Amino acid sequence: MNANSRSAVAGERHFEDEILDQGDLISKRLHLLSMQRFPPNARKTLRSFSLSEVAGFVGVSQSTLKKLHLDGKGPSPVTSPSGRRSYTAEQMLELRQYLDEHGRSDSRLYVPHRRKGEKLQVLAVVNFKGGSGKTTTAAHLAQYLALTGHRVLAVDLDPQASLTSLHGFQPELDQMGSLYEAIRYDGERKPISEIIQGTNFPGLDIVPANLDLQEYEYDTPLAMSNRSTNEGKTFFTRISRALQDVDDRYDVVVVDCPPQLGYLTLTALTAATSVLITIHPQMLDVMSMGQFLLMLGGILKPIRAAGAEVNLSWYRYLITRYEPTDVPQAQMVGFMSTMFHEYMLKNQMLKSTAIADAGITKQTLYEVERATMNRGTYDRALESLDAVNSEIAGLIHQAWGRQNGR
């Protein structure tokens, strides 16, 4: 019996049948777990922040915060029996507003919103190879920017929806749209404002992802071949046009691109004002990135010729999952720094079990309670994250023309 005959045997199950069943089983089991852990309509909450954390995010000393509390000014923190003060993320925003109105002459720094003439910053986080820490980087960056007073929109452009899941949404269960709804080519297109969801971080909204995003990869070539319309020929403008609908609501848009060089990634890159390329410092990863850059450059040239304006304020390489004691990794970082010194972020994101452990419970390091982890491990990881994110925030401010990146 040949292969064709065998495939025709009644009742024979194929690979696609098996994976459809297994995908359905995973979704059902996840639904049961979700119902146990999160009642219907429940959303993630956010912990309170210690006095030292608040001082760091807001940009004042702890003594200033204590004096404000003792003088009855600004929001009142929760004080533990041992005298420790803590603020909610909402109260941090109230503190910024209070300091902005009653602080020093440069008090505008407390509320770092865009000012007149400053352009919406769209930061695309990209890598062609999975496992580079791209989503981890995008999530922590978006949350850090929100905690430091910026109005942030996170856009999950990866159909696998990891960034969406990290923020408490379940694409396989929750009935909500993705960016596909705002960039599709038919009459069902919606404004992006109808798709945006709030998160547990004040000042941070998200455009969730789901499997529908993959349709854009199939729809775009068809639209490009349609001679009756120019929609497909200008596919690269679709995200930037969608964002115009909410331009006045945000300071920064952080886009988590899919780990592939498809139409979604290209559309995000042509909408971007800056690009962050995450790279794990190992030989195969660096080789893969080299191929990615060659392909990307080769594709963007004809797109620019077709009318796309890929005008970036800056782009940087970010070393992720870095282990400084690993000699080959350290050598690879030195190798890249020699070649791309001015394009490398000065700070690296360290590999840490703290980030991995937080991810198990679908949390970031900004969400997880310090007391639940080894404090030394937690502190080292957080110091690394804050350094990276602060450097990126400085680049964003420089793009606005602010002195010293402030």
Protein backbone atom coordinates (compact mmCIF):
# COMPACT_ATOMS: atom_id res chain seq x y z
CA MET A 1 0.00 0.00 0.00
CA ASN A 2 1.54 3.31 -1.06
CA ALA A 3 1.49 6.56 0.96
CA ASN A 4 -1.56 7.92 -0.84
CA SER A 5 -3.49 4.72 -0.22
CA ARG A 6 -2.57 4.71 3.44
CA SER A 7 -3.70 8.34 3.82
CA ALA A 8 -7.09 7.40 2.48
CA VAL A 9 -7.70 4.73 5.11
CA ALA A 10 -10.91 5.61 6.96
CA GLY A 11 -10.32 6.99 10.42
CA GLU A 12 -6.60 7.67 9.97
CA ARG A 13 -5.46 10.67 11.97
CA HIS A 14 -3.02 13.14 10.52
CA PHE A 15 -0.56 15.48 12.22
CA GLU A 16 -2.90 18.44 11.82
CA ASP A 17 -5.71 16.49 13.50
CA GLU A 18 -3.50 15.68 16.46
CA ILE A 19 -2.25 19.21 17.00
CA LEU A 20 -5.75 20.66 16.66
CA ASP A 21 -6.93 18.31 19.42
CA GLN A 22 -3.92 19.10 21.57
CA GLY A 23 -4.36 22.84 21.10
CA ASP A 24 -8.01 22.52 22.07
CA LEU A 25 -7.04 20.46 25.13
CA ILE A 26 -4.50 23.09 26.23
CA SER A 27 -7.09 25.86 25.88
CA LYS A 28 -9.66 23.93 27.94
CA ARG A 29 -7.16 23.12 30.69
CA LEU A 30 -5.98 26.73 30.78
CA HIS A 31 -9.59 27.82 31.07
CA LEU A 32 -10.07 25.58 34.12
CA LEU A 33 -6.89 26.96 35.71
CA SER A 34 -8.00 30.48 34.93
CA MET A 35 -11.39 29.97 36.55
CA GLN A 36 -9.66 28.65 39.68
CA ARG A 37 -7.13 31.48 39.94
CA PHE A 38 -9.03 34.35 38.35
CA PRO A 39 -12.82 34.60 38.68
CA PRO A 40 -14.74 35.83 35.61
CA ASN A 41 -13.99 39.46 34.72
CA ALA A 42 -11.07 39.55 37.18
CA ARG A 43 -7.96 41.51 36.23
CA LYS A 44 -4.46 41.71 37.64
CA THR A 45 -3.85 44.02 40.56
CA LEU A 46 -0.61 45.76 41.43
CA ARG A 47 1.35 45.78 44.67
CA SER A 48 2.26 48.90 46.62
CA PHE A 49 5.74 50.40 46.32
CA SER A 50 8.16 51.10 49.17
CA LEU A 51 9.40 54.57 50.05
CA SER A 52 12.78 53.92 48.43
CA GLU A 53 11.14 52.64 45.22
CA VAL A 54 8.82 55.64 45.02
CA ALA A 55 11.71 58.04 45.62
CA GLY A 56 13.62 56.43 42.75
CA PHE A 57 10.71 56.47 40.30
CA VAL A 58 9.53 59.99 41.14
CA GLY A 59 13.02 61.48 41.39
CA VAL A 60 13.07 62.85 44.93
CA SER A 61 14.79 61.84 48.16
CA GLN A 62 13.15 59.63 50.77
CA SER A 63 13.46 62.48 53.28
CA THR A 64 11.41 64.71 50.95
CA LEU A 65 8.64 62.11 50.85
CA LYS A 66 8.70 61.71 54.62
CA LYS A 67 8.48 65.47 55.11
CA LEU A 68 5.53 65.71 52.71
CA HIS A 69 3.73 63.03 54.70
CA LEU A 70 4.49 64.64 58.06
CA ASP A 71 3.31 68.01 56.73
CA GLY A 72 0.09 66.45 55.45
CA LYS A 73 0.90 67.30 51.84
CA GLY A 74 0.30 65.11 48.83
CA PRO A 75 -1.25 61.64 48.99
CA SER A 76 -1.07 59.85 52.33
CA PRO A 77 0.91 56.58 52.21
CA VAL A 78 0.01 53.41 54.04
CA THR A 79 2.16 53.10 57.15
CA SER A 80 2.91 49.65 58.56
CA PRO A 81 3.06 48.94 62.35
CA SER A 82 6.85 49.14 62.04
CA GLY A 83 6.60 52.63 60.49
CA ARG A 84 7.37 51.68 56.88
CA ARG A 85 5.57 53.79 54.30
CA SER A 86 4.31 52.57 50.94
CA TYR A 87 2.42 54.14 48.05
CA THR A 88 0.21 52.71 45.32
CA ALA A 89 1.08 53.39 41.69
CA GLU A 90 -1.93 55.73 41.52
CA GLN A 91 -0.53 57.69 44.48
CA MET A 92 2.80 58.01 42.69
CA LEU A 93 0.98 59.83 39.91
CA GLU A 94 -0.69 62.06 42.52
CA LEU A 95 2.74 62.79 44.01
CA ARG A 96 4.02 63.84 40.60
CA GLN A 97 1.09 66.19 40.10
CA TYR A 98 1.56 67.69 43.57
CA LEU A 99 5.31 68.21 43.06
CA ASP A 100 4.65 69.60 39.60
CA GLU A 101 2.39 72.25 41.09
CA HIS A 102 4.30 72.95 44.32
CA GLY A 103 7.87 71.82 43.62
CA ARG A 104 11.01 73.53 42.39
CA SER A 105 11.19 75.79 39.34
CA ASP A 106 12.09 72.78 37.18
CA SER A 107 9.06 70.90 38.49
CA ARG A 108 7.93 70.00 34.99
CA LEU A 109 10.42 67.13 35.24
CA TYR A 110 8.07 65.40 37.66
CA VAL A 111 5.47 64.99 34.90
CA PRO A 112 7.48 64.01 31.82
CA HIS A 113 4.56 64.14 29.37
CA ARG A 114 5.15 65.33 25.81
CA ARG A 115 5.20 69.05 25.39
CA LYS A 116 4.14 71.16 22.45
CA GLY A 117 6.11 70.20 19.35
CA GLU A 118 7.37 66.90 20.78
CA LYS A 119 6.59 63.91 18.59
CA LEU A 120 4.98 60.67 19.72
CA GLN A 121 7.83 58.19 20.23
CA VAL A 122 7.23 54.75 18.71
CA LEU A 123 9.85 52.27 19.88
CA ALA A 124 10.01 48.91 18.07
CA VAL A 125 11.67 46.06 19.97
CA VAL A 126 12.90 43.52 17.44
CA ASN A 127 14.93 40.37 16.94
CA PHE A 128 14.72 37.75 14.22
CA LYS A 129 15.52 34.90 16.63
CA GLY A 130 13.33 33.86 19.55
CA GLY A 131 14.76 33.59 23.07
CA SER A 132 16.59 36.92 22.97
CA GLY A 133 14.53 38.43 25.81
CA LYS A 134 12.59 40.65 23.42
CA THR A 135 9.20 40.39 25.16
CA THR A 136 10.78 40.59 28.62
CA THR A 137 12.54 43.77 27.51
CA ALA A 138 9.36 45.30 26.03
CA ALA A 139 7.26 44.49 29.10
CA HIS A 140 9.69 45.88 31.67
CA LEU A 141 10.41 48.95 29.55
CA ALA A 142 6.72 49.81 29.11
CA GLN A 143 6.07 49.36 32.83
CA TYR A 144 9.14 51.37 33.84
CA LEU A 145 8.13 54.26 31.60
CA ALA A 146 4.65 54.22 33.15
CA LEU A 147 6.06 54.11 36.68
CA THR A 148 8.27 57.10 35.87
CA GLY A 149 5.26 59.17 34.81
CA HIS A 150 4.98 58.64 31.06
CA ARG A 151 1.75 57.83 29.24
CA VAL A 152 2.51 54.53 27.52
CA LEU A 153 0.83 52.31 24.97
CA ALA A 154 2.23 48.79 24.61
CA VAL A 155 1.43 47.08 21.32
CA ASP A 156 1.73 43.30 21.20
CA LEU A 157 2.42 42.48 17.56
CA ASP A 158 3.40 38.86 18.15
CA PRO A 159 0.56 36.36 17.42
CA GLN A 160 1.94 34.22 20.27
CA ALA A 161 0.76 37.04 22.58
CA SER A 162 3.31 36.66 25.38
CA LEU A 163 3.26 40.39 26.20
CA THR A 164 -0.53 40.22 26.34
CA SER A 165 -0.45 37.25 28.71
CA LEU A 166 2.09 38.97 30.98
CA HIS A 167 -0.44 41.75 31.51
CA GLY A 168 -3.17 39.39 32.66
CA PHE A 169 -5.10 38.81 29.45
CA GLN A 170 -5.75 35.38 28.00
CA PRO A 171 -5.99 35.53 24.21
CA GLU A 172 -7.29 31.98 24.01
CA LEU A 173 -10.19 32.86 26.31
CA ASP A 174 -10.78 36.61 26.38
CA GLN A 175 -12.87 37.92 23.52
CA MET A 176 -10.90 41.01 22.51
CA GLY A 177 -9.39 42.32 19.33
CA SER A 178 -5.78 42.76 18.26
CA LEU A 179 -4.03 45.37 16.15
CA TYR A 180 -5.17 43.35 13.14
CA GLU A 181 -8.60 44.94 13.60
CA ALA A 182 -7.05 48.37 13.01
CA ILE A 183 -4.80 47.50 10.05
CA ARG A 184 -6.87 44.98 8.10
CA TYR A 185 -7.76 45.75 4.49
CA ASP A 186 -11.51 45.13 4.42
CA GLY A 187 -14.52 47.09 5.63
CA GLU A 188 -14.32 45.52 9.10
CA ARG A 189 -11.42 47.76 10.14
CA LYS A 190 -11.85 49.51 13.51
CA PRO A 191 -10.18 52.52 15.15
CA ILE A 192 -7.32 51.47 17.41
CA SER A 193 -9.07 53.31 20.27
CA GLU A 194 -11.72 50.55 20.29
CA ILE A 195 -9.10 47.84 20.78
CA ILE A 196 -6.95 49.39 23.52
CA GLN A 197 -7.24 47.82 26.99
CA GLY A 198 -6.16 49.24 30.34
CA THR A 199 -3.63 47.36 32.46
CA ASN A 200 -2.91 47.09 36.17
CA PHE A 201 -0.28 49.85 35.75
CA PRO A 202 -1.73 53.38 35.80
CA GLY A 203 -0.53 55.17 32.69
CA LEU A 204 0.01 51.96 30.72
CA ASP A 205 -2.50 50.66 28.17
CA ILE A 206 -2.07 47.74 25.80
CA VAL A 207 -3.20 46.63 22.37
CA PRO A 208 -3.48 42.87 22.92
CA ALA A 209 -2.43 40.20 20.44
CA ASN A 210 -4.11 37.05 19.23
CA LEU A 211 -3.74 34.57 16.37
CA ASP A 212 -5.72 36.85 14.03
CA LEU A 213 -2.57 38.96 13.62
CA GLN A 214 -1.16 36.24 11.40
CA GLU A 215 -3.89 37.03 8.87
CA TYR A 216 -2.05 40.27 8.06
CA GLU A 217 0.84 38.24 6.67
CA TYR A 218 -1.56 36.54 4.23
CA ASP A 219 -3.75 39.55 3.47
CA THR A 220 -0.94 41.93 2.54
CA PRO A 221 0.38 40.08 -0.56
CA LEU A 222 -3.20 39.74 -1.81
CA ALA A 223 -3.83 43.45 -1.25
CA MET A 224 -0.58 44.30 -3.05
CA SER A 225 -1.71 42.32 -6.09
CA ASN A 226 -5.10 44.04 -6.17
CA ARG A 227 -4.83 46.57 -8.98
CA SER A 228 -8.08 48.32 -8.08
CA THR A 229 -6.67 49.79 -4.88
CA ASN A 230 -3.38 51.12 -3.53
CA GLU A 231 -4.01 49.80 -0.03
CA GLY A 232 -1.53 46.94 -0.33
CA LYS A 233 1.14 49.01 -2.05
CA THR A 234 1.30 51.29 0.99
CA PHE A 235 0.99 48.53 3.61
CA PHE A 236 3.93 50.04 5.50
CA THR A 237 1.85 53.07 6.53
CA ARG A 238 -0.94 51.14 8.25
CA ILE A 239 0.36 51.15 11.84
CA SER A 240 1.44 54.79 11.76
CA ARG A 241 -1.97 55.73 10.37
CA ALA A 242 -3.74 53.69 13.05
CA LEU A 243 -1.73 55.41 15.80
CA GLN A 244 -2.78 58.85 14.58
CA ASP A 245 -6.16 58.14 16.16
CA VAL A 246 -4.61 58.21 19.66
CA ASP A 247 -1.58 60.42 19.10
CA ASP A 248 -2.60 62.92 21.80
CA ARG A 249 -3.19 60.24 24.46
CA TYR A 250 0.35 58.87 24.78
CA ASP A 251 3.98 59.89 25.05
CA VAL A 252 5.57 56.58 24.07
CA VAL A 253 4.41 53.50 22.15
CA VAL A 254 6.39 50.29 22.81
CA VAL A 255 5.90 47.68 20.08
CA ASP A 256 6.82 44.05 20.73
CA CYS A 257 7.46 42.74 17.21
CA PRO A 258 7.15 39.08 16.20
CA PRO A 259 10.44 37.12 15.96
CA GLN A 260 10.31 37.03 12.17
CA LEU A 261 10.88 39.41 9.30
CA GLY A 262 7.35 39.56 7.90
CA TYR A 263 4.90 42.28 6.98
CA LEU A 264 3.97 42.92 10.62
CA THR A 265 7.58 43.65 11.55
CA LEU A 266 8.16 45.77 8.45
CA THR A 267 5.02 47.79 9.11
CA ALA A 268 6.11 48.37 12.71
CA LEU A 269 9.63 49.42 11.68
CA THR A 270 8.35 51.99 9.20
CA ALA A 271 6.09 53.43 11.92
CA ALA A 272 8.94 53.52 14.45
CA THR A 273 10.87 56.58 15.57
CA SER A 274 13.43 54.34 17.31
CA VAL A 275 14.45 50.69 17.28
CA LEU A 276 15.83 48.47 20.01
CA ILE A 277 17.49 45.25 18.80
CA THR A 278 17.84 42.66 21.55
CA ILE A 279 20.74 40.25 21.27
CA HIS A 280 21.85 37.30 23.38
CA PRO A 281 25.68 37.40 23.35
CA GLN A 282 26.42 33.95 21.91
CA MET A 283 28.01 33.11 18.57
CA LEU A 284 24.94 31.56 16.91
CA ASP A 285 22.70 34.41 18.07
CA VAL A 286 25.09 37.06 16.78
CA MET A 287 25.41 35.20 13.46
CA SER A 288 21.63 35.06 13.21
CA MET A 289 21.40 38.77 13.95
CA GLY A 290 23.90 39.48 11.18
CA GLN A 291 21.68 37.65 8.69
CA PHE A 292 18.65 39.48 10.06
CA LEU A 293 20.32 42.86 9.49
CA LEU A 294 21.32 41.93 5.93
CA MET A 295 17.79 40.83 5.08
CA LEU A 296 16.21 43.82 6.80
CA GLY A 297 18.43 46.31 5.01
CA GLY A 298 17.78 44.60 1.68
CA ILE A 299 14.02 44.79 2.19
CA LEU A 300 13.86 48.34 3.57
CA LYS A 301 15.71 49.84 0.58
CA PRO A 302 12.94 49.12 -1.96
CA ILE A 303 10.31 50.04 0.64
CA ARG A 304 11.96 53.46 1.04
CA ALA A 305 12.02 53.77 -2.74
CA ALA A 306 8.27 53.07 -2.70
CA GLY A 307 7.68 56.05 -0.43
CA ALA A 308 8.19 54.79 3.12
CA GLU A 309 10.08 57.11 5.41
CA VAL A 310 12.21 55.07 7.79
CA ASN A 311 13.47 58.01 9.81
CA LEU A 312 14.77 56.94 13.21
CA SER A 313 15.85 59.25 16.00
CA TRP A 314 18.05 56.43 17.27
CA TYR A 315 18.56 52.69 17.29
CA ARG A 316 20.54 50.61 19.74
CA TYR A 317 21.63 47.04 20.39
CA LEU A 318 20.75 45.75 23.85
CA ILE A 319 22.66 42.81 25.29
CA THR A 320 20.15 40.57 27.07
CA ARG A 321 20.37 37.49 29.30
CA TYR A 322 23.98 38.44 29.94
CA GLU A 323 26.20 36.46 32.32
CA PRO A 324 29.33 38.57 32.97
CA THR A 325 31.22 35.59 34.42
CA ASP A 326 30.71 33.62 31.21
CA VAL A 327 33.99 34.23 29.35
CA PRO A 328 32.67 33.52 25.80
CA GLN A 329 29.73 35.87 26.42
CA ALA A 330 32.03 38.60 27.74
CA GLN A 331 34.23 38.14 24.66
CA MET A 332 31.20 38.43 22.39
CA VAL A 333 30.10 41.64 24.13
CA GLY A 334 33.61 43.01 23.61
CA PHE A 335 33.50 41.94 19.95
CA MET A 336 30.21 43.76 19.37
CA SER A 337 31.30 46.83 21.33
CA THR A 338 34.40 47.12 19.14
CA MET A 339 32.28 47.12 15.98
CA PHE A 340 29.20 49.04 17.11
CA HIS A 341 30.35 51.06 20.09
CA GLU A 342 28.12 54.10 19.57
CA TYR A 343 25.09 51.91 18.80
CA MET A 344 25.37 49.70 21.89
CA LEU A 345 23.46 50.52 25.06
CA LYS A 346 25.97 51.11 27.82
CA ASN A 347 24.01 48.88 30.18
CA GLN A 348 23.20 45.20 29.73
CA MET A 349 20.23 43.20 30.94
CA LEU A 350 21.60 40.47 33.17
CA LYS A 351 20.35 36.92 33.08
CA SER A 352 18.55 36.30 36.36
CA THR A 353 16.51 33.58 37.98
CA ALA A 354 14.46 36.41 39.54
CA ILE A 355 13.05 37.40 36.13
CA ALA A 356 12.44 33.77 35.21
CA ASP A 357 10.75 33.02 38.55
CA ALA A 358 8.50 36.06 38.23
CA GLY A 359 7.54 34.94 34.73
CA ILE A 360 6.30 31.60 36.04
CA THR A 361 3.46 33.47 37.75
CA LYS A 362 3.00 35.78 34.72
CA GLN A 363 4.57 38.69 36.53
CA THR A 364 7.39 41.08 35.81
CA LEU A 365 10.03 42.13 38.30
CA TYR A 366 8.14 45.39 38.84
CA GLU A 367 5.09 43.42 39.96
CA VAL A 368 6.50 40.63 42.09
CA GLU A 369 6.98 41.13 45.82
CA ARG A 370 10.64 41.39 46.82
CA ALA A 371 9.97 39.35 49.95
CA THR A 372 9.02 36.31 47.84
CA MET A 373 12.51 36.04 46.35
CA ASN A 374 16.13 35.87 47.32
CA ARG A 375 16.74 39.55 48.02
CA GLY A 376 20.26 39.67 46.61
CA THR A 377 19.16 38.04 43.36
CA TYR A 378 16.13 40.32 43.14
CA ASP A 379 18.11 43.48 43.83
CA ARG A 380 20.80 42.67 41.23
CA ALA A 381 18.20 41.94 38.56
CA LEU A 382 16.19 45.07 39.35
CA GLU A 383 19.32 47.24 39.34
CA SER A 384 20.14 45.90 35.87
CA LEU A 385 16.61 46.50 34.56
CA ASP A 386 16.41 50.01 35.97
CA ALA A 387 19.78 50.93 34.45
CA VAL A 388 18.75 49.70 31.00
CA ASN A 389 15.32 51.33 31.12
CA SER A 390 16.66 54.61 32.48
CA GLU A 391 19.16 54.78 29.63
CA ILE A 392 16.38 54.18 27.09
CA ALA A 393 14.17 56.81 28.75
CA GLY A 394 17.07 59.25 28.39
CA LEU A 395 17.29 58.50 24.65
CA ILE A 396 13.55 59.12 24.31
CA HIS A 397 13.90 62.47 26.05
CA GLN A 398 16.87 63.38 23.87
CA ALA A 399 14.73 62.65 20.81
CA TRP A 400 12.34 65.29 22.16
CA GLY A 401 15.27 67.70 22.36
CA ARG A 402 15.36 67.87 26.13
CA GLN A 403 18.63 68.94 27.67
CA ASN A 404 20.70 66.08 29.15
CA GLY A 405 17.95 63.64 28.13
CA ARG A 406 15.64 64.87 30.93
